[in-house]
PDB file of all heavy atoms in Angstrom:
ATOM      1  N   VAL A   1      11.453 -19.336   6.878  1.00  0.00           N
ATOM      2  CA  VAL A   1      12.129 -18.213   6.172  1.00  0.00           C
ATOM      3  C   VAL A   1      12.294 -17.070   7.109  1.00  0.00           C
ATOM      4  O   VAL A   1      11.335 -16.563   7.712  1.00  0.00           O
ATOM      5  CB  VAL A   1      11.259 -17.777   4.932  1.00  0.00           C
ATOM      6  CG1 VAL A   1      11.885 -16.590   4.284  1.00  0.00           C
ATOM      7  CG2 VAL A   1      11.143 -18.945   3.972  1.00  0.00           C
ATOM      8  N   VAL A   2      13.547 -16.614   7.272  1.00  0.00           N
ATOM      9  CA  VAL A   2      13.898 -15.491   8.196  1.00  0.00           C
ATOM     10  C   VAL A   2      14.254 -14.297   7.358  1.00  0.00           C
ATOM     11  O   VAL A   2      15.031 -14.384   6.425  1.00  0.00           O
ATOM     12  CB  VAL A   2      15.047 -15.922   9.120  1.00  0.00           C
ATOM     13  CG1 VAL A   2      15.428 -14.774  10.045  1.00  0.00           C
ATOM     14  CG2 VAL A   2      14.669 -17.182   9.926  1.00  0.00           C
ATOM     15  N   LEU A   3      13.710 -13.150   7.760  1.00  0.00           N
ATOM     16  CA  LEU A   3      13.968 -11.868   7.089  1.00  0.00           C
ATOM     17  C   LEU A   3      14.777 -10.974   8.009  1.00  0.00           C
ATOM     18  O   LEU A   3      14.627 -11.075   9.239  1.00  0.00           O
ATOM     19  CB  LEU A   3      12.659 -11.150   6.739  1.00  0.00           C
ATOM     20  CG  LEU A   3      11.645 -11.921   5.890  1.00  0.00           C
ATOM     21  CD1 LEU A   3      10.364 -11.154   5.755  1.00  0.00           C
ATOM     22  CD2 LEU A   3      12.232 -12.276   4.537  1.00  0.00           C
ATOM     23  N   SER A   4      15.622 -10.146   7.433  1.00  0.00           N
ATOM     24  CA  SER A   4      16.360  -9.175   8.242  1.00  0.00           C
ATOM     25  C   SER A   4      16.794  -8.014   7.380  1.00  0.00           C
ATOM     26  O   SER A   4      16.935  -8.117   6.172  1.00  0.00           O
ATOM     27  CB  SER A   4      17.620  -9.818   8.891  1.00  0.00           C
ATOM     28  OG  SER A   4      18.503 -10.231   7.844  1.00  0.00           O
ATOM     29  N   ASN A   5      16.891  -6.828   8.031  1.00  0.00           N
ATOM     30  CA  ASN A   5      17.397  -5.644   7.330  1.00  0.00           C
ATOM     31  C   ASN A   5      18.120  -4.724   8.322  1.00  0.00           C
ATOM     32  O   ASN A   5      18.246  -3.521   8.051  1.00  0.00           O
ATOM     33  CB  ASN A   5      16.241  -4.899   6.640  1.00  0.00           C
ATOM     34  CG  ASN A   5      15.278  -4.277   7.661  1.00  0.00           C
ATOM     35  OD1 ASN A   5      15.223  -4.680   8.805  1.00  0.00           O
ATOM     36  ND2 ASN A   5      14.485  -3.328   7.216  1.00  0.00           N
ATOM     37  N   GLY A   6      18.591  -5.256   9.387  1.00  0.00           N
ATOM     38  CA  GLY A   6      19.371  -4.465  10.349  1.00  0.00           C
ATOM     39  C   GLY A   6      18.494  -3.684  11.294  1.00  0.00           C
ATOM     40  O   GLY A   6      19.018  -2.952  12.180  1.00  0.00           O
ATOM     41  N   SER A   7      17.169  -3.856  11.248  1.00  0.00           N
ATOM     42  CA  SER A   7      16.303  -3.168  12.161  1.00  0.00           C
ATOM     43  C   SER A   7      15.987  -4.004  13.359  1.00  0.00           C
ATOM     44  O   SER A   7      16.388  -5.179  13.425  1.00  0.00           O
ATOM     45  CB  SER A   7      14.995  -2.745  11.465  1.00  0.00           C
ATOM     46  OG  SER A   7      14.221  -3.929  11.229  1.00  0.00           O
ATOM     47  N   ASN A   8      15.248  -3.444  14.322  1.00  0.00           N
ATOM     48  CA  ASN A   8      14.906  -4.199  15.530  1.00  0.00           C
ATOM     49  C   ASN A   8      13.554  -4.890  15.416  1.00  0.00           C
ATOM     50  O   ASN A   8      13.034  -5.407  16.415  1.00  0.00           O
ATOM     51  CB  ASN A   8      14.878  -3.232  16.730  1.00  0.00           C
ATOM     52  CG  ASN A   8      16.277  -2.741  17.047  1.00  0.00           C
ATOM     53  OD1 ASN A   8      17.259  -3.447  16.924  1.00  0.00           O
ATOM     54  ND2 ASN A   8      16.357  -1.462  17.426  1.00  0.00           N
ATOM     55  N   ILE A   9      12.927  -4.824  14.225  1.00  0.00           N
ATOM     56  CA  ILE A   9      11.642  -5.465  14.025  1.00  0.00           C
ATOM     57  C   ILE A   9      11.856  -6.998  14.043  1.00  0.00           C
ATOM     58  O   ILE A   9      12.872  -7.511  13.572  1.00  0.00           O
ATOM     59  CB  ILE A   9      11.033  -5.057  12.680  1.00  0.00           C
ATOM     60  CG1 ILE A   9      10.833  -3.537  12.700  1.00  0.00           C
ATOM     61  CG2 ILE A   9       9.720  -5.738  12.401  1.00  0.00           C
ATOM     62  CD1 ILE A   9      10.315  -2.985  11.420  1.00  0.00           C
ATOM     63  N   PRO A  10      10.914  -7.778  14.615  1.00  0.00           N
ATOM     64  CA  PRO A  10      11.070  -9.252  14.635  1.00  0.00           C
ATOM     65  C   PRO A  10      11.361  -9.794  13.264  1.00  0.00           C
ATOM     66  O   PRO A  10      10.945  -9.277  12.250  1.00  0.00           O
ATOM     67  CB  PRO A  10       9.690  -9.711  15.153  1.00  0.00           C
ATOM     68  CG  PRO A  10       9.224  -8.572  15.979  1.00  0.00           C
ATOM     69  CD  PRO A  10       9.704  -7.321  15.285  1.00  0.00           C
ATOM     70  N   SER A  11      12.099 -10.955  13.243  1.00  0.00           N
ATOM     71  CA  SER A  11      12.601 -11.476  12.001  1.00  0.00           C
ATOM     72  C   SER A  11      11.520 -11.992  11.069  1.00  0.00           C
ATOM     73  O   SER A  11      11.831 -12.283   9.860  1.00  0.00           O
ATOM     74  CB  SER A  11      13.596 -12.613  12.270  1.00  0.00           C
ATOM     75  OG  SER A  11      12.947 -13.666  12.959  1.00  0.00           O
ATOM     76  N   ASP A  12      10.298 -12.165  11.542  1.00  0.00           N
ATOM     77  CA  ASP A  12       9.248 -12.620  10.614  1.00  0.00           C
ATOM     78  C   ASP A  12       8.591 -11.428   9.915  1.00  0.00           C
ATOM     79  O   ASP A  12       7.674 -11.637   9.116  1.00  0.00           O
ATOM     80  CB  ASP A  12       8.212 -13.451  11.357  1.00  0.00           C
ATOM     81  CG  ASP A  12       7.472 -12.644  12.443  1.00  0.00           C
ATOM     82  OD1 ASP A  12       8.005 -11.611  12.859  1.00  0.00           O
ATOM     83  OD2 ASP A  12       6.396 -13.078  12.830  1.00  0.00           O
ATOM     84  N   GLN A  13       9.019 -10.210  10.246  1.00  0.00           N
ATOM     85  CA  GLN A  13       8.414  -9.015   9.654  1.00  0.00           C
ATOM     86  C   GLN A  13       9.446  -7.889   9.614  1.00  0.00           C
ATOM     87  O   GLN A  13      10.050  -7.554  10.641  1.00  0.00           O
ATOM     88  CB  GLN A  13       7.165  -8.608  10.405  1.00  0.00           C
ATOM     89  CG  GLN A  13       6.447  -7.368   9.861  1.00  0.00           C
ATOM     90  CD  GLN A  13       5.195  -7.043  10.587  1.00  0.00           C
ATOM     91  OE1 GLN A  13       4.254  -7.834  10.538  1.00  0.00           O
ATOM     92  NE2 GLN A  13       5.132  -5.948  11.280  1.00  0.00           N
ATOM     93  N   ILE A  14       9.612  -7.227   8.479  1.00  0.00           N
ATOM     94  CA  ILE A  14      10.527  -6.115   8.392  1.00  0.00           C
ATOM     95  C   ILE A  14       9.892  -4.970   7.632  1.00  0.00           C
ATOM     96  O   ILE A  14       8.981  -5.152   6.825  1.00  0.00           O
ATOM     97  CB  ILE A  14      11.878  -6.480   7.695  1.00  0.00           C
ATOM     98  CG1 ILE A  14      11.567  -7.025   6.266  1.00  0.00           C
ATOM     99  CG2 ILE A  14      12.671  -7.479   8.489  1.00  0.00           C
ATOM    100  CD1 ILE A  14      12.840  -7.329   5.493  1.00  0.00           C
ATOM    101  N   ARG A  15      10.301  -3.739   7.958  1.00  0.00           N
ATOM    102  CA  ARG A  15       9.830  -2.591   7.259  1.00  0.00           C
ATOM    103  C   ARG A  15      10.878  -2.090   6.327  1.00  0.00           C
ATOM    104  O   ARG A  15      12.054  -1.929   6.682  1.00  0.00           O
ATOM    105  CB  ARG A  15       9.489  -1.461   8.291  1.00  0.00           C
ATOM    106  CG  ARG A  15       8.869  -0.223   7.653  1.00  0.00           C
ATOM    107  CD  ARG A  15       8.499   0.816   8.667  1.00  0.00           C
ATOM    108  NE  ARG A  15       7.498   0.308   9.615  1.00  0.00           N
ATOM    109  CZ  ARG A  15       7.690   0.186  10.936  1.00  0.00           C
ATOM    110  NH1 ARG A  15       8.867   0.523  11.489  1.00  0.00           N
ATOM    111  NH2 ARG A  15       6.740  -0.281  11.709  1.00  0.00           N
ATOM    112  N   LEU A  16      10.529  -1.890   5.053  1.00  0.00           N
ATOM    113  CA  LEU A  16      11.477  -1.512   4.029  1.00  0.00           C
ATOM    114  C   LEU A  16      11.247  -0.076   3.573  1.00  0.00           C
ATOM    115  O   LEU A  16      10.143   0.275   3.175  1.00  0.00           O
ATOM    116  CB  LEU A  16      11.355  -2.408   2.809  1.00  0.00           C
ATOM    117  CG  LEU A  16      11.536  -3.928   3.037  1.00  0.00           C
ATOM    118  CD1 LEU A  16      11.393  -4.688   1.719  1.00  0.00           C
ATOM    119  CD2 LEU A  16      12.898  -4.219   3.645  1.00  0.00           C
ATOM    120  N   ASP A  17      12.320   0.758   3.712  1.00  0.00           N
ATOM    121  CA  ASP A  17      12.252   2.082   3.176  1.00  0.00           C
ATOM    122  C   ASP A  17      12.671   2.056   1.740  1.00  0.00           C
ATOM    123  O   ASP A  17      13.110   1.033   1.179  1.00  0.00           O
ATOM    124  CB  ASP A  17      13.118   3.016   4.009  1.00  0.00           C
ATOM    125  CG  ASP A  17      12.632   3.133   5.455  1.00  0.00           C
ATOM    126  OD1 ASP A  17      11.408   3.147   5.667  1.00  0.00           O
ATOM    127  OD2 ASP A  17      13.485   3.169   6.364  1.00  0.00           O
ATOM    128  N   VAL A  18      12.661   3.236   1.079  1.00  0.00           N
ATOM    129  CA  VAL A  18      13.006   3.349  -0.309  1.00  0.00           C
ATOM    130  C   VAL A  18      14.449   2.851  -0.541  1.00  0.00           C
ATOM    131  O   VAL A  18      15.360   3.309   0.169  1.00  0.00           O
ATOM    132  CB  VAL A  18      12.846   4.808  -0.827  1.00  0.00           C
ATOM    133  CG1 VAL A  18      13.291   4.900  -2.257  1.00  0.00           C
ATOM    134  CG2 VAL A  18      11.398   5.245  -0.616  1.00  0.00           C
ATOM    135  N   ASN A  19      14.644   1.924  -1.490  1.00  0.00           N
ATOM    136  CA  ASN A  19      15.969   1.425  -1.883  1.00  0.00           C
ATOM    137  C   ASN A  19      16.738   0.787  -0.731  1.00  0.00           C
ATOM    138  O   ASN A  19      17.956   0.768  -0.730  1.00  0.00           O
ATOM    139  CB  ASN A  19      16.801   2.550  -2.505  1.00  0.00           C
ATOM    140  CG  ASN A  19      16.251   3.004  -3.822  1.00  0.00           C
ATOM    141  OD1 ASN A  19      15.740   2.215  -4.571  1.00  0.00           O
ATOM    142  ND2 ASN A  19      16.303   4.294  -4.070  1.00  0.00           N
ATOM    143  N   GLN A  20      16.042   0.283   0.253  1.00  0.00           N
ATOM    144  CA  GLN A  20      16.738  -0.378   1.381  1.00  0.00           C
ATOM    145  C   GLN A  20      16.903  -1.860   1.137  1.00  0.00           C
ATOM    146  O   GLN A  20      15.935  -2.552   0.836  1.00  0.00           O
ATOM    147  CB  GLN A  20      15.946  -0.137   2.663  1.00  0.00           C
ATOM    148  CG  GLN A  20      16.615  -0.744   3.899  1.00  0.00           C
ATOM    149  CD  GLN A  20      15.747  -0.497   5.141  1.00  0.00           C
ATOM    150  OE1 GLN A  20      14.668  -0.003   5.065  1.00  0.00           O
ATOM    151  NE2 GLN A  20      16.307  -0.945   6.301  1.00  0.00           N
ATOM    152  N   PRO A  21      18.126  -2.415   1.230  1.00  0.00           N
ATOM    153  CA  PRO A  21      18.310  -3.841   1.020  1.00  0.00           C
ATOM    154  C   PRO A  21      17.782  -4.661   2.152  1.00  0.00           C
ATOM    155  O   PRO A  21      17.682  -4.151   3.285  1.00  0.00           O
ATOM    156  CB  PRO A  21      19.836  -3.976   0.878  1.00  0.00           C
ATOM    157  CG  PRO A  21      20.382  -2.860   1.661  1.00  0.00           C
ATOM    158  CD  PRO A  21      19.388  -1.718   1.523  1.00  0.00           C
ATOM    159  N   PHE A  22      17.466  -5.919   1.894  1.00  0.00           N
ATOM    160  CA  PHE A  22      17.049  -6.819   2.963  1.00  0.00           C
ATOM    161  C   PHE A  22      17.570  -8.200   2.641  1.00  0.00           C
ATOM    162  O   PHE A  22      17.973  -8.503   1.517  1.00  0.00           O
ATOM    163  CB  PHE A  22      15.498  -6.841   3.114  1.00  0.00           C
ATOM    164  CG  PHE A  22      14.790  -7.418   1.930  1.00  0.00           C
ATOM    165  CD1 PHE A  22      14.408  -8.736   1.877  1.00  0.00           C
ATOM    166  CD2 PHE A  22      14.474  -6.583   0.847  1.00  0.00           C
ATOM    167  CE1 PHE A  22      13.710  -9.250   0.788  1.00  0.00           C
ATOM    168  CE2 PHE A  22      13.798  -7.111  -0.248  1.00  0.00           C
ATOM    169  CZ  PHE A  22      13.412  -8.436  -0.291  1.00  0.00           C
ATOM    170  N   GLN A  23      17.586  -9.077   3.633  1.00  0.00           N
ATOM    171  CA  GLN A  23      18.142 -10.423   3.513  1.00  0.00           C
ATOM    172  C   GLN A  23      17.053 -11.479   3.748  1.00  0.00           C
ATOM    173  O   GLN A  23      16.162 -11.285   4.572  1.00  0.00           O
ATOM    174  CB  GLN A  23      19.314 -10.648   4.506  1.00  0.00           C
ATOM    175  CG  GLN A  23      20.518  -9.745   4.199  1.00  0.00           C
ATOM    176  CD  GLN A  23      20.347  -8.300   4.629  1.00  0.00           C
ATOM    177  OE1 GLN A  23      19.767  -8.049   5.660  1.00  0.00           O
ATOM    178  NE2 GLN A  23      20.797  -7.401   3.829  1.00  0.00           N
ATOM    179  N   VAL A  24      17.200 -12.613   3.028  1.00  0.00           N
ATOM    180  CA  VAL A  24      16.263 -13.735   3.191  1.00  0.00           C
ATOM    181  C   VAL A  24      17.154 -14.966   3.450  1.00  0.00           C
ATOM    182  O   VAL A  24      18.132 -15.207   2.720  1.00  0.00           O
ATOM    183  CB  VAL A  24      15.416 -13.970   1.920  1.00  0.00           C
ATOM    184  CG1 VAL A  24      14.497 -15.166   2.144  1.00  0.00           C
ATOM    185  CG2 VAL A  24      14.595 -12.720   1.595  1.00  0.00           C
ATOM    186  N   TYR A  25      16.795 -15.747   4.494  1.00  0.00           N
ATOM    187  CA  TYR A  25      17.587 -16.895   4.877  1.00  0.00           C
ATOM    188  C   TYR A  25      16.681 -18.035   5.222  1.00  0.00           C
ATOM    189  O   TYR A  25      15.616 -17.848   5.905  1.00  0.00           O
ATOM    190  CB  TYR A  25      18.522 -16.576   6.025  1.00  0.00           C
ATOM    191  CG  TYR A  25      19.341 -17.777   6.526  1.00  0.00           C
ATOM    192  CD1 TYR A  25      20.535 -18.048   5.889  1.00  0.00           C
ATOM    193  CD2 TYR A  25      18.899 -18.525   7.599  1.00  0.00           C
ATOM    194  CE1 TYR A  25      21.286 -19.146   6.278  1.00  0.00           C
ATOM    195  CE2 TYR A  25      19.680 -19.613   8.029  1.00  0.00           C
ATOM    196  CZ  TYR A  25      20.843 -19.903   7.379  1.00  0.00           C
ATOM    197  OH  TYR A  25      21.593 -20.981   7.780  1.00  0.00           O
ATOM    198  N   SER A  26      17.044 -19.237   4.810  1.00  0.00           N
ATOM    199  CA  SER A  26      16.281 -20.446   5.168  1.00  0.00           C
ATOM    200  C   SER A  26      17.192 -21.653   5.215  1.00  0.00           C
ATOM    201  O   SER A  26      18.113 -21.780   4.430  1.00  0.00           O
ATOM    202  CB  SER A  26      15.153 -20.684   4.151  1.00  0.00           C
ATOM    203  OG  SER A  26      14.462 -21.885   4.496  1.00  0.00           O
ATOM    204  N   GLU A  27      16.946 -22.508   6.194  1.00  0.00           N
ATOM    205  CA  GLU A  27      17.697 -23.761   6.347  1.00  0.00           C
ATOM    206  C   GLU A  27      16.905 -24.935   5.745  1.00  0.00           C
ATOM    207  O   GLU A  27      17.400 -26.050   5.825  1.00  0.00           O
ATOM    208  CB  GLU A  27      17.992 -24.010   7.806  1.00  0.00           C
ATOM    209  CG  GLU A  27      18.934 -22.970   8.443  1.00  0.00           C
ATOM    210  CD  GLU A  27      19.319 -23.285   9.864  1.00  0.00           C
ATOM    211  OE1 GLU A  27      18.652 -24.219  10.455  1.00  0.00           O
ATOM    212  OE2 GLU A  27      20.190 -22.649  10.423  1.00  0.00           O
ATOM    213  N   SER A  28      15.730 -24.665   5.224  1.00  0.00           N
ATOM    214  CA  SER A  28      14.892 -25.761   4.691  1.00  0.00           C
ATOM    215  C   SER A  28      14.553 -25.506   3.226  1.00  0.00           C
ATOM    216  O   SER A  28      14.114 -24.410   2.883  1.00  0.00           O
ATOM    217  CB  SER A  28      13.597 -25.890   5.522  1.00  0.00           C
ATOM    218  OG  SER A  28      13.920 -26.090   6.889  1.00  0.00           O
ATOM    219  N   GLN A  29      14.739 -26.512   2.385  1.00  0.00           N
ATOM    220  CA  GLN A  29      14.297 -26.410   0.999  1.00  0.00           C
ATOM    221  C   GLN A  29      12.769 -26.400   0.943  1.00  0.00           C
ATOM    222  O   GLN A  29      12.084 -26.958   1.809  1.00  0.00           O
ATOM    223  CB  GLN A  29      14.827 -27.592   0.173  1.00  0.00           C
ATOM    224  CG  GLN A  29      16.321 -27.592   0.006  1.00  0.00           C
ATOM    225  CD  GLN A  29      16.776 -28.735  -0.874  1.00  0.00           C
ATOM    226  OE1 GLN A  29      16.287 -28.874  -1.988  1.00  0.00           O
ATOM    227  NE2 GLN A  29      17.680 -29.582  -0.400  1.00  0.00           N
ATOM    228  N   GLY A  30      12.278 -25.814  -0.097  1.00  0.00           N
ATOM    229  CA  GLY A  30      10.817 -25.756  -0.271  1.00  0.00           C
ATOM    230  C   GLY A  30      10.367 -24.465  -0.910  1.00  0.00           C
ATOM    231  O   GLY A  30      11.192 -23.633  -1.338  1.00  0.00           O
ATOM    232  N   THR A  31       9.057 -24.314  -0.977  1.00  0.00           N
ATOM    233  CA  THR A  31       8.470 -23.104  -1.562  1.00  0.00           C
ATOM    234  C   THR A  31       7.693 -22.382  -0.482  1.00  0.00           C
ATOM    235  O   THR A  31       6.802 -23.020   0.178  1.00  0.00           O
ATOM    236  CB  THR A  31       7.558 -23.453  -2.764  1.00  0.00           C
ATOM    237  OG1 THR A  31       8.311 -24.077  -3.783  1.00  0.00           O
ATOM    238  CG2 THR A  31       6.867 -22.212  -3.314  1.00  0.00           C
ATOM    239  N   TYR A  32       7.958 -21.117  -0.282  1.00  0.00           N
ATOM    240  CA  TYR A  32       7.346 -20.349   0.775  1.00  0.00           C
ATOM    241  C   TYR A  32       6.805 -19.038   0.212  1.00  0.00           C
ATOM    242  O   TYR A  32       7.013 -18.724  -0.965  1.00  0.00           O
ATOM    243  CB  TYR A  32       8.316 -20.106   1.918  1.00  0.00           C
ATOM    244  CG  TYR A  32       9.027 -21.365   2.431  1.00  0.00           C
ATOM    245  CD1 TYR A  32      10.293 -21.732   1.931  1.00  0.00           C
ATOM    246  CD2 TYR A  32       8.407 -22.203   3.322  1.00  0.00           C
ATOM    247  CE1 TYR A  32      10.914 -22.878   2.356  1.00  0.00           C
ATOM    248  CE2 TYR A  32       9.024 -23.371   3.786  1.00  0.00           C
ATOM    249  CZ  TYR A  32      10.263 -23.677   3.274  1.00  0.00           C
ATOM    250  OH  TYR A  32      10.884 -24.830   3.692  1.00  0.00           O
ATOM    251  N   GLU A  33       6.137 -18.253   1.056  1.00  0.00           N
ATOM    252  CA  GLU A  33       5.575 -16.992   0.597  1.00  0.00           C
ATOM    253  C   GLU A  33       5.955 -15.841   1.541  1.00  0.00           C
ATOM    254  O   GLU A  33       6.031 -16.022   2.750  1.00  0.00           O
ATOM    255  CB  GLU A  33       4.052 -17.074   0.488  1.00  0.00           C
ATOM    256  CG  GLU A  33       3.569 -17.770  -0.738  1.00  0.00           C
ATOM    257  CD  GLU A  33       2.053 -17.585  -0.980  1.00  0.00           C
ATOM    258  OE1 GLU A  33       1.409 -17.006  -0.074  1.00  0.00           O
ATOM    259  OE2 GLU A  33       1.576 -17.953  -2.056  1.00  0.00           O
ATOM    260  N   LEU A  34       6.230 -14.691   0.905  1.00  0.00           N
ATOM    261  CA  LEU A  34       6.406 -13.457   1.642  1.00  0.00           C
ATOM    262  C   LEU A  34       5.209 -12.567   1.322  1.00  0.00           C
ATOM    263  O   LEU A  34       4.699 -12.562   0.208  1.00  0.00           O
ATOM    264  CB  LEU A  34       7.688 -12.743   1.225  1.00  0.00           C
ATOM    265  CG  LEU A  34       8.982 -13.503   1.423  1.00  0.00           C
ATOM    266  CD1 LEU A  34      10.180 -12.663   0.982  1.00  0.00           C
ATOM    267  CD2 LEU A  34       9.188 -13.892   2.872  1.00  0.00           C
ATOM    268  N   ASP A  35       4.769 -11.820   2.350  1.00  0.00           N
ATOM    269  CA  ASP A  35       3.611 -10.978   2.234  1.00  0.00           C
ATOM    270  C   ASP A  35       4.041  -9.541   2.166  1.00  0.00           C
ATOM    271  O   ASP A  35       4.763  -9.048   3.069  1.00  0.00           O
ATOM    272  CB  ASP A  35       2.672 -11.197   3.423  1.00  0.00           C
ATOM    273  CG  ASP A  35       1.335 -10.535   3.269  1.00  0.00           C
ATOM    274  OD1 ASP A  35       0.822 -10.542   2.136  1.00  0.00           O
ATOM    275  OD2 ASP A  35       0.811 -10.009   4.239  1.00  0.00           O
ATOM    276  N   LEU A  36       3.707  -8.784   1.091  1.00  0.00           N
ATOM    277  CA  LEU A  36       4.128  -7.429   0.939  1.00  0.00           C
ATOM    278  C   LEU A  36       2.910  -6.497   1.097  1.00  0.00           C
ATOM    279  O   LEU A  36       1.907  -6.618   0.401  1.00  0.00           O
ATOM    280  CB  LEU A  36       4.724  -7.245  -0.456  1.00  0.00           C
ATOM    281  CG  LEU A  36       5.417  -5.890  -0.741  1.00  0.00           C
ATOM    282  CD1 LEU A  36       6.695  -5.781   0.077  1.00  0.00           C
ATOM    283  CD2 LEU A  36       5.702  -5.717  -2.238  1.00  0.00           C
ATOM    284  N   LYS A  37       3.013  -5.515   2.041  1.00  0.00           N
ATOM    285  CA  LYS A  37       1.943  -4.605   2.307  1.00  0.00           C
ATOM    286  C   LYS A  37       2.447  -3.171   2.305  1.00  0.00           C
ATOM    287  O   LYS A  37       3.561  -2.863   2.715  1.00  0.00           O
ATOM    288  CB  LYS A  37       1.349  -4.906   3.711  1.00  0.00           C
ATOM    289  CG  LYS A  37       0.620  -6.219   3.773  1.00  0.00           C
ATOM    290  CD  LYS A  37      -0.040  -6.468   5.133  1.00  0.00           C
ATOM    291  CE  LYS A  37      -0.766  -7.799   5.190  1.00  0.00           C
ATOM    292  NZ  LYS A  37      -1.346  -8.055   6.514  1.00  0.00           N
ATOM    293  N   LEU A  38       1.589  -2.297   1.802  1.00  0.00           N
ATOM    294  CA  LEU A  38       1.824  -0.870   1.768  1.00  0.00           C
ATOM    295  C   LEU A  38       1.384  -0.239   3.056  1.00  0.00           C
ATOM    296  O   LEU A  38       0.266  -0.507   3.511  1.00  0.00           O
ATOM    297  CB  LEU A  38       1.122  -0.221   0.577  1.00  0.00           C
ATOM    298  CG  LEU A  38       1.301   1.284   0.394  1.00  0.00           C
ATOM    299  CD1 LEU A  38       2.755   1.627   0.087  1.00  0.00           C
ATOM    300  CD2 LEU A  38       0.409   1.783  -0.724  1.00  0.00           C
ATOM    301  N   PHE A  39       2.251   0.582   3.677  1.00  0.00           N
ATOM    302  CA  PHE A  39       1.960   1.216   4.980  1.00  0.00           C
ATOM    303  C   PHE A  39       1.617   0.221   6.055  1.00  0.00           C
ATOM    304  O   PHE A  39       1.033   0.565   7.064  1.00  0.00           O
ATOM    305  CB  PHE A  39       0.796   2.229   4.817  1.00  0.00           C
ATOM    306  CG  PHE A  39       0.997   3.234   3.713  1.00  0.00           C
ATOM    307  CD1 PHE A  39      -0.007   3.419   2.771  1.00  0.00           C
ATOM    308  CD2 PHE A  39       2.194   3.929   3.597  1.00  0.00           C
ATOM    309  CE1 PHE A  39       0.170   4.331   1.765  1.00  0.00           C
ATOM    310  CE2 PHE A  39       2.379   4.825   2.568  1.00  0.00           C
ATOM    311  CZ  PHE A  39       1.354   5.081   1.649  1.00  0.00           C
ATOM    312  N   GLY A  40       1.979  -1.065   5.862  1.00  0.00           N
ATOM    313  CA  GLY A  40       1.746  -2.047   6.909  1.00  0.00           C
ATOM    314  C   GLY A  40       0.374  -2.639   6.957  1.00  0.00           C
ATOM    315  O   GLY A  40       0.154  -3.550   7.759  1.00  0.00           O
ATOM    316  N   TRP A  41      -0.528  -2.230   6.072  1.00  0.00           N
ATOM    317  CA  TRP A  41      -1.915  -2.756   6.136  1.00  0.00           C
ATOM    318  C   TRP A  41      -2.536  -3.057   4.802  1.00  0.00           C
ATOM    319  O   TRP A  41      -3.440  -3.882   4.685  1.00  0.00           O
ATOM    320  CB  TRP A  41      -2.825  -1.817   6.935  1.00  0.00           C
ATOM    321  CG  TRP A  41      -2.947  -0.433   6.344  1.00  0.00           C
ATOM    322  CD1 TRP A  41      -2.145   0.646   6.605  1.00  0.00           C
ATOM    323  CD2 TRP A  41      -3.895   0.024   5.375  1.00  0.00           C
ATOM    324  NE1 TRP A  41      -2.510   1.717   5.868  1.00  0.00           N
ATOM    325  CE2 TRP A  41      -3.632   1.373   5.089  1.00  0.00           C
ATOM    326  CE3 TRP A  41      -4.977  -0.588   4.713  1.00  0.00           C
ATOM    327  CZ2 TRP A  41      -4.331   2.134   4.226  1.00  0.00           C
ATOM    328  CZ3 TRP A  41      -5.696   0.175   3.806  1.00  0.00           C
ATOM    329  CH2 TRP A  41      -5.387   1.514   3.585  1.00  0.00           C
ATOM    330  N   LEU A  42      -2.120  -2.370   3.708  1.00  0.00           N
ATOM    331  CA  LEU A  42      -2.762  -2.556   2.435  1.00  0.00           C
ATOM    332  C   LEU A  42      -2.053  -3.645   1.633  1.00  0.00           C
ATOM    333  O   LEU A  42      -0.865  -3.478   1.282  1.00  0.00           O
ATOM    334  CB  LEU A  42      -2.747  -1.246   1.623  1.00  0.00           C
ATOM    335  CG  LEU A  42      -3.398  -1.309   0.226  1.00  0.00           C
ATOM    336  CD1 LEU A  42      -4.900  -1.647   0.340  1.00  0.00           C
ATOM    337  CD2 LEU A  42      -3.198   0.025  -0.499  1.00  0.00           C
ATOM    338  N   GLN A  43      -2.701  -4.785   1.393  1.00  0.00           N
ATOM    339  CA  GLN A  43      -2.097  -5.922   0.717  1.00  0.00           C
ATOM    340  C   GLN A  43      -1.725  -5.544  -0.717  1.00  0.00           C
ATOM    341  O   GLN A  43      -2.577  -5.077  -1.499  1.00  0.00           O
ATOM    342  CB  GLN A  43      -3.060  -7.094   0.728  1.00  0.00           C
ATOM    343  CG  GLN A  43      -2.582  -8.339   0.009  1.00  0.00           C
ATOM    344  CD  GLN A  43      -1.400  -9.034   0.707  1.00  0.00           C
ATOM    345  OE1 GLN A  43      -1.274  -8.901   1.932  1.00  0.00           O
ATOM    346  NE2 GLN A  43      -0.578  -9.678  -0.036  1.00  0.00           N
TER     347      GLN A  43
END
C-alpha cells in the first residue's frame, strides 16, 4: 500500500494537515492496515 499527498515524505508515511487530501494505491488485493498518529507519536 502506497500513500501520497504531494509532499516529499517517503511513500510509506505522510503528514496530513487539516482538510488535506491524500491518495492510497495498491497493486495487490488483500486487507492491509494504515497507522494514524497524532503529532507523529501518539497512536
